[in-house]
Amino acid sequence: MLVYSNEEHNIKIYSLDHTRWEDFELLFGERGACGGCWCMSWRLKKSEFERGKGEFNKNSMKDIVYRGKPVGVLAYVDDNPIGWCAIAPREVYKRLESSRVLKRIDDKPVWSISCLFIAKDFRRKGISTELIKGAIEYAKLNEVNIVEAYPVVPYGNNVPDAFLWTGVPVAFEEAGFTVVERRSKWKPMLRYYI
């Protein structure tokens, strides 16, 4: 389902469901985006994730998608998948739920943006912010009131993209998020209130 579009940037963003699974596979490629992750890093305990890198993680994500669970949104340019933003209820992210630095702020129900992945040719062009806006619209369609994010503050100008998979604060701030908690210099917690 189309959840967001920006004609100026020629971007359309759709929720990921079984009809778009092949586009998700195409975007993530043989490596599963990064080292066989398939966006399962925060959904599994660390030991489960490490054992499952590659095909197991891919099949786990596919199962979630085919069961119709919320997982995130895909960005397209000219009908080609170019970006991904994971967003789902916070409680599905086991590693997030057990984090000391990113522990819950309060008992309010939130959906979490846990990952952004953008095709190499489209990085550093504002696609992250567009994906985040699409994720917000997806949350609205699911009657969510609070979206939370956990970007990483870059420690320099040449940080490898693989270390920025949760996004950078400026992309979220441009989409309307504000910092609500900072237990670590490098990992602020941001929220968007709908």
C-alpha atoms as a PDB file:
ATOM      1  CA  MET A   1       0.000   0.000   0.000  1.00  0.00           C
ATOM      2  CA  LEU A   2       1.290   3.468  -0.891  1.00  0.00           C
ATOM      3  CA  VAL A   3       1.891   5.372   2.348  1.00  0.00           C
ATOM      4  CA  TYR A   4       3.851   8.434   1.173  1.00  0.00           C
ATOM      5  CA  SER A   5       5.115  10.130  -1.965  1.00  0.00           C
ATOM      6  CA  ASN A   6       7.236  13.136  -2.788  1.00  0.00           C
ATOM      7  CA  GLU A   7       6.946  14.137  -6.449  1.00  0.00           C
ATOM      8  CA  GLU A   8       9.784  16.642  -6.170  1.00  0.00           C
ATOM      9  CA  HIS A   9      12.196  13.802  -5.348  1.00  0.00           C
ATOM     10  CA  ASN A  10      10.346  11.236  -7.515  1.00  0.00           C
ATOM     11  CA  ILE A  11       9.959   8.975  -4.457  1.00  0.00           C
ATOM     12  CA  LYS A  12       7.109   6.650  -3.588  1.00  0.00           C
ATOM     13  CA  ILE A  13       7.034   4.730  -0.334  1.00  0.00           C
ATOM     14  CA  TYR A  14       5.034   1.561   0.216  1.00  0.00           C
ATOM     15  CA  SER A  15       4.516  -0.663   3.225  1.00  0.00           C
ATOM     16  CA  LEU A  16       6.315  -3.987   2.877  1.00  0.00           C
ATOM     17  CA  ASP A  17       3.943  -6.901   2.413  1.00  0.00           C
ATOM     18  CA  HIS A  18       4.203 -10.228   0.586  1.00  0.00           C
ATOM     19  CA  THR A  19       3.495  -8.565  -2.773  1.00  0.00           C
ATOM     20  CA  ARG A  20       6.727  -6.527  -2.408  1.00  0.00           C
ATOM     21  CA  TRP A  21       8.941  -9.269  -0.948  1.00  0.00           C
ATOM     22  CA  GLU A  22      10.912  -9.706  -4.186  1.00  0.00           C
ATOM     23  CA  ASP A  23      11.678  -5.968  -4.206  1.00  0.00           C
ATOM     24  CA  PHE A  24      12.940  -6.262  -0.624  1.00  0.00           C
ATOM     25  CA  GLU A  25      15.190  -9.171  -1.688  1.00  0.00           C
ATOM     26  CA  LEU A  26      16.447  -7.175  -4.659  1.00  0.00           C
ATOM     27  CA  LEU A  27      17.298  -4.160  -2.496  1.00  0.00           C
ATOM     28  CA  PHE A  28      19.032  -6.227   0.198  1.00  0.00           C
ATOM     29  CA  GLY A  29      20.965  -8.333  -2.321  1.00  0.00           C
ATOM     30  CA  GLU A  30      22.859 -11.536  -1.629  1.00  0.00           C
ATOM     31  CA  ARG A  31      24.415 -10.124   1.539  1.00  0.00           C
ATOM     32  CA  GLY A  32      21.060  -9.371   3.156  1.00  0.00           C
ATOM     33  CA  ALA A  33      21.860  -5.644   3.324  1.00  0.00           C
ATOM     34  CA  CYS A  34      24.782  -6.081   5.711  1.00  0.00           C
ATOM     35  CA  GLY A  35      26.414  -9.366   6.647  1.00  0.00           C
ATOM     36  CA  GLY A  36      23.308 -11.532   6.345  1.00  0.00           C
ATOM     37  CA  CYS A  37      21.225  -9.384   8.672  1.00  0.00           C
ATOM     38  CA  TRP A  38      17.967  -9.204   6.705  1.00  0.00           C
ATOM     39  CA  CYS A  39      16.867  -6.627   9.306  1.00  0.00           C
ATOM     40  CA  MET A  40      16.659  -9.274  12.034  1.00  0.00           C
ATOM     41  CA  SER A  41      19.409  -7.922  14.313  1.00  0.00           C
ATOM     42  CA  TRP A  42      17.130  -6.351  16.912  1.00  0.00           C
ATOM     43  CA  ARG A  43      14.325  -8.905  16.507  1.00  0.00           C
ATOM     44  CA  LEU A  44      16.453 -11.792  17.823  1.00  0.00           C
ATOM     45  CA  LYS A  45      18.704 -12.414  20.791  1.00  0.00           C
ATOM     46  CA  LYS A  46      22.324 -11.824  19.813  1.00  0.00           C
ATOM     47  CA  SER A  47      23.180 -15.547  19.818  1.00  0.00           C
ATOM     48  CA  GLU A  48      20.138 -16.368  17.664  1.00  0.00           C
ATOM     49  CA  PHE A  49      21.010 -13.611  15.235  1.00  0.00           C
ATOM     50  CA  GLU A  50      24.648 -14.682  14.896  1.00  0.00           C
ATOM     51  CA  ARG A  51      23.663 -18.304  14.239  1.00  0.00           C
ATOM     52  CA  GLY A  52      21.064 -17.216  11.706  1.00  0.00           C
ATOM     53  CA  LYS A  53      23.109 -14.837   9.550  1.00  0.00           C
ATOM     54  CA  GLY A  54      22.149 -15.316   5.946  1.00  0.00           C
ATOM     55  CA  GLU A  55      19.426 -17.713   4.870  1.00  0.00           C
ATOM     56  CA  PHE A  56      17.894 -18.278   8.327  1.00  0.00           C
ATOM     57  CA  ASN A  57      17.511 -14.545   8.970  1.00  0.00           C
ATOM     58  CA  LYS A  58      16.122 -14.065   5.460  1.00  0.00           C
ATOM     59  CA  ASN A  59      13.531 -16.804   5.976  1.00  0.00           C
ATOM     60  CA  SER A  60      12.645 -15.413   9.417  1.00  0.00           C
ATOM     61  CA  MET A  61      11.933 -11.977   7.953  1.00  0.00           C
ATOM     62  CA  LYS A  62      10.012 -13.510   5.060  1.00  0.00           C
ATOM     63  CA  ASP A  63       7.839 -15.429   7.525  1.00  0.00           C
ATOM     64  CA  ILE A  64       7.044 -12.226   9.439  1.00  0.00           C
ATOM     65  CA  VAL A  65       6.164 -10.413   6.209  1.00  0.00           C
ATOM     66  CA  TYR A  66       3.987 -13.255   4.912  1.00  0.00           C
ATOM     67  CA  ARG A  67       2.114 -13.387   8.225  1.00  0.00           C
ATOM     68  CA  GLY A  68       1.137  -9.758   7.606  1.00  0.00           C
ATOM     69  CA  LYS A  69       2.997  -8.299  10.583  1.00  0.00           C
ATOM     70  CA  PRO A  70       4.205  -4.684  10.409  1.00  0.00           C
ATOM     71  CA  VAL A  71       7.869  -4.561   9.449  1.00  0.00           C
ATOM     72  CA  GLY A  72       8.517  -1.325   7.602  1.00  0.00           C
ATOM     73  CA  VAL A  73       8.448   0.617   4.364  1.00  0.00           C
ATOM     74  CA  LEU A  74      10.241   0.496   1.014  1.00  0.00           C
ATOM     75  CA  ALA A  75      11.189   3.555  -1.032  1.00  0.00           C
ATOM     76  CA  TYR A  76      11.080   3.488  -4.820  1.00  0.00           C
ATOM     77  CA  VAL A  77      12.406   5.722  -7.566  1.00  0.00           C
ATOM     78  CA  ASP A  78      11.081   4.915 -11.044  1.00  0.00           C
ATOM     79  CA  ASP A  79       9.569   1.667  -9.734  1.00  0.00           C
ATOM     80  CA  ASN A  80      12.960   0.469  -8.449  1.00  0.00           C
ATOM     81  CA  PRO A  81      13.409  -0.252  -4.715  1.00  0.00           C
ATOM     82  CA  ILE A  82      16.113   2.074  -3.382  1.00  0.00           C
ATOM     83  CA  GLY A  83      15.550   2.277   0.377  1.00  0.00           C
ATOM     84  CA  TRP A  84      14.212   0.557   3.470  1.00  0.00           C
ATOM     85  CA  CYS A  85      13.061   1.752   6.888  1.00  0.00           C
ATOM     86  CA  ALA A  86      12.127  -0.781   9.563  1.00  0.00           C
ATOM     87  CA  ILE A  87       9.284   0.275  11.845  1.00  0.00           C
ATOM     88  CA  ALA A  88       7.242  -1.938  14.146  1.00  0.00           C
ATOM     89  CA  PRO A  89       5.946  -2.101  17.724  1.00  0.00           C
ATOM     90  CA  ARG A  90       8.908  -1.719  20.085  1.00  0.00           C
ATOM     91  CA  GLU A  91       8.170  -4.985  21.879  1.00  0.00           C
ATOM     92  CA  VAL A  92       9.046  -7.093  18.800  1.00  0.00           C
ATOM     93  CA  TYR A  93      12.671  -5.938  19.051  1.00  0.00           C
ATOM     94  CA  LYS A  94      14.105  -8.266  21.725  1.00  0.00           C
ATOM     95  CA  ARG A  95      17.544  -6.651  21.814  1.00  0.00           C
ATOM     96  CA  LEU A  96      16.082  -3.178  22.042  1.00  0.00           C
ATOM     97  CA  GLU A  97      13.854  -4.236  24.921  1.00  0.00           C
ATOM     98  CA  SER A  98      16.875  -5.579  26.844  1.00  0.00           C
ATOM     99  CA  SER A  99      19.143  -2.580  26.163  1.00  0.00           C
ATOM    100  CA  ARG A 100      20.337  -0.531  29.134  1.00  0.00           C
ATOM    101  CA  VAL A 101      21.154   2.553  27.066  1.00  0.00           C
ATOM    102  CA  LEU A 102      17.913   2.417  25.054  1.00  0.00           C
ATOM    103  CA  LYS A 103      15.603   1.094  27.782  1.00  0.00           C
ATOM    104  CA  ARG A 104      12.029   2.323  27.786  1.00  0.00           C
ATOM    105  CA  ILE A 105      11.452   5.936  28.759  1.00  0.00           C
ATOM    106  CA  ASP A 106       7.928   5.281  30.002  1.00  0.00           C
ATOM    107  CA  ASP A 107       5.140   2.746  29.657  1.00  0.00           C
ATOM    108  CA  LYS A 108       3.473   4.416  26.657  1.00  0.00           C
ATOM    109  CA  PRO A 109       3.040   2.209  23.582  1.00  0.00           C
ATOM    110  CA  VAL A 110       5.482   3.174  20.842  1.00  0.00           C
ATOM    111  CA  TRP A 111       6.577   1.954  17.454  1.00  0.00           C
ATOM    112  CA  SER A 112      10.318   1.982  16.864  1.00  0.00           C
ATOM    113  CA  ILE A 113      12.335   2.808  13.800  1.00  0.00           C
ATOM    114  CA  SER A 114      15.188   0.354  14.109  1.00  0.00           C
ATOM    115  CA  CYS A 115      16.974   0.383  10.757  1.00  0.00           C
ATOM    116  CA  LEU A 116      17.513   2.319   7.549  1.00  0.00           C
ATOM    117  CA  PHE A 117      19.134   0.840   4.450  1.00  0.00           C
ATOM    118  CA  ILE A 118      19.633   2.764   1.225  1.00  0.00           C
ATOM    119  CA  ALA A 119      21.073   1.547  -2.074  1.00  0.00           C
ATOM    120  CA  LYS A 120      24.617   2.828  -2.501  1.00  0.00           C
ATOM    121  CA  ASP A 121      23.853   5.139  -5.440  1.00  0.00           C
ATOM    122  CA  PHE A 122      21.165   6.937  -3.409  1.00  0.00           C
ATOM    123  CA  ARG A 123      23.029   7.541  -0.143  1.00  0.00           C
ATOM    124  CA  ARG A 124      23.648  11.059   1.169  1.00  0.00           C
ATOM    125  CA  LYS A 125      20.797  12.482  -0.929  1.00  0.00           C
ATOM    126  CA  GLY A 126      18.106  12.984   1.718  1.00  0.00           C
ATOM    127  CA  ILE A 127      16.465   9.591   1.181  1.00  0.00           C
ATOM    128  CA  SER A 128      16.681   8.770   4.907  1.00  0.00           C
ATOM    129  CA  THR A 129      14.452  11.699   5.801  1.00  0.00           C
ATOM    130  CA  GLU A 130      11.962  10.720   3.103  1.00  0.00           C
ATOM    131  CA  LEU A 131      11.906   7.146   4.419  1.00  0.00           C
ATOM    132  CA  ILE A 132      11.359   8.405   7.955  1.00  0.00           C
ATOM    133  CA  LYS A 133       8.442  10.549   6.761  1.00  0.00           C
ATOM    134  CA  GLY A 134       7.033   7.459   5.061  1.00  0.00           C
ATOM    135  CA  ALA A 135       7.434   5.488   8.283  1.00  0.00           C
ATOM    136  CA  ILE A 136       5.505   8.187  10.149  1.00  0.00           C
ATOM    137  CA  GLU A 137       2.662   7.948   7.635  1.00  0.00           C
ATOM    138  CA  TYR A 138       2.690   4.149   7.988  1.00  0.00           C
ATOM    139  CA  ALA A 139       2.458   4.557  11.769  1.00  0.00           C
ATOM    140  CA  LYS A 140      -0.503   6.920  11.360  1.00  0.00           C
ATOM    141  CA  LEU A 141      -2.301   4.333   9.214  1.00  0.00           C
ATOM    142  CA  ASN A 142      -1.802   1.872  12.065  1.00  0.00           C
ATOM    143  CA  GLU A 143      -3.181   4.355  14.627  1.00  0.00           C
ATOM    144  CA  VAL A 144       0.149   4.743  16.412  1.00  0.00           C
ATOM    145  CA  ASN A 145       0.604   7.828  18.604  1.00  0.00           C
ATOM    146  CA  ILE A 146       4.360   7.773  19.266  1.00  0.00           C
ATOM    147  CA  VAL A 147       7.249   6.807  16.990  1.00  0.00           C
ATOM    148  CA  GLU A 148      10.649   6.374  18.596  1.00  0.00           C
ATOM    149  CA  ALA A 149      14.109   6.279  16.998  1.00  0.00           C
ATOM    150  CA  TYR A 150      17.679   5.558  18.104  1.00  0.00           C
ATOM    151  CA  PRO A 151      20.076   7.208  15.645  1.00  0.00           C
ATOM    152  CA  VAL A 152      23.836   7.260  16.086  1.00  0.00           C
ATOM    153  CA  VAL A 153      25.781  10.505  16.363  1.00  0.00           C
ATOM    154  CA  PRO A 154      28.626  10.130  13.806  1.00  0.00           C
ATOM    155  CA  TYR A 155      32.063  10.318  15.430  1.00  0.00           C
ATOM    156  CA  GLY A 156      33.584  11.825  12.283  1.00  0.00           C
ATOM    157  CA  ASN A 157      32.969  12.798   8.662  1.00  0.00           C
ATOM    158  CA  ASN A 158      33.926   9.449   7.149  1.00  0.00           C
ATOM    159  CA  VAL A 159      32.010   6.956   9.273  1.00  0.00           C
ATOM    160  CA  PRO A 160      31.345   3.753   7.273  1.00  0.00           C
ATOM    161  CA  ASP A 161      27.683   3.452   6.282  1.00  0.00           C
ATOM    162  CA  ALA A 162      27.449   0.060   8.024  1.00  0.00           C
ATOM    163  CA  PHE A 163      27.831   1.841  11.382  1.00  0.00           C
ATOM    164  CA  LEU A 164      24.944   4.223  10.696  1.00  0.00           C
ATOM    165  CA  TRP A 165      22.195   1.642  10.151  1.00  0.00           C
ATOM    166  CA  THR A 166      19.935   3.236  12.788  1.00  0.00           C
ATOM    167  CA  GLY A 167      20.241   6.589  11.021  1.00  0.00           C
ATOM    168  CA  VAL A 168      21.733   9.909  12.075  1.00  0.00           C
ATOM    169  CA  PRO A 169      19.967  12.473  14.279  1.00  0.00           C
ATOM    170  CA  VAL A 170      19.719  15.190  11.621  1.00  0.00           C
ATOM    171  CA  ALA A 171      17.618  12.976   9.308  1.00  0.00           C
ATOM    172  CA  PHE A 172      15.091  12.418  12.096  1.00  0.00           C
ATOM    173  CA  GLU A 173      15.092  16.053  13.182  1.00  0.00           C
ATOM    174  CA  GLU A 174      14.336  17.107   9.596  1.00  0.00           C
ATOM    175  CA  ALA A 175      11.305  14.781   9.752  1.00  0.00           C
ATOM    176  CA  GLY A 176      10.061  16.405  12.982  1.00  0.00           C
ATOM    177  CA  PHE A 177      11.569  14.192  15.714  1.00  0.00           C
ATOM    178  CA  THR A 178      12.937  15.659  18.938  1.00  0.00           C
ATOM    179  CA  VAL A 179      15.416  14.274  21.461  1.00  0.00           C
ATOM    180  CA  VAL A 180      13.585  12.999  24.552  1.00  0.00           C
ATOM    181  CA  GLU A 181      16.363  11.095  26.351  1.00  0.00           C
ATOM    182  CA  ARG A 182      20.149  10.887  26.164  1.00  0.00           C
ATOM    183  CA  ARG A 183      21.787   8.185  28.265  1.00  0.00           C
ATOM    184  CA  SER A 184      24.768   8.029  25.929  1.00  0.00           C
ATOM    185  CA  LYS A 185      26.700  10.741  24.101  1.00  0.00           C
ATOM    186  CA  TRP A 186      26.464   8.708  20.872  1.00  0.00           C
ATOM    187  CA  LYS A 187      22.920   7.285  21.059  1.00  0.00           C
ATOM    188  CA  PRO A 188      20.122   9.756  21.769  1.00  0.00           C
ATOM    189  CA  MET A 189      16.498   8.616  21.900  1.00  0.00           C
ATOM    190  CA  LEU A 190      14.151  10.641  19.723  1.00  0.00           C
ATOM    191  CA  ARG A 191      10.365  10.708  19.435  1.00  0.00           C
ATOM    192  CA  TYR A 192       7.742  11.904  17.016  1.00  0.00           C
ATOM    193  CA  TYR A 193       4.317  12.529  18.539  1.00  0.00           C
ATOM    194  CA  ILE A 194       1.405  12.037  16.158  1.00  0.00           C
END
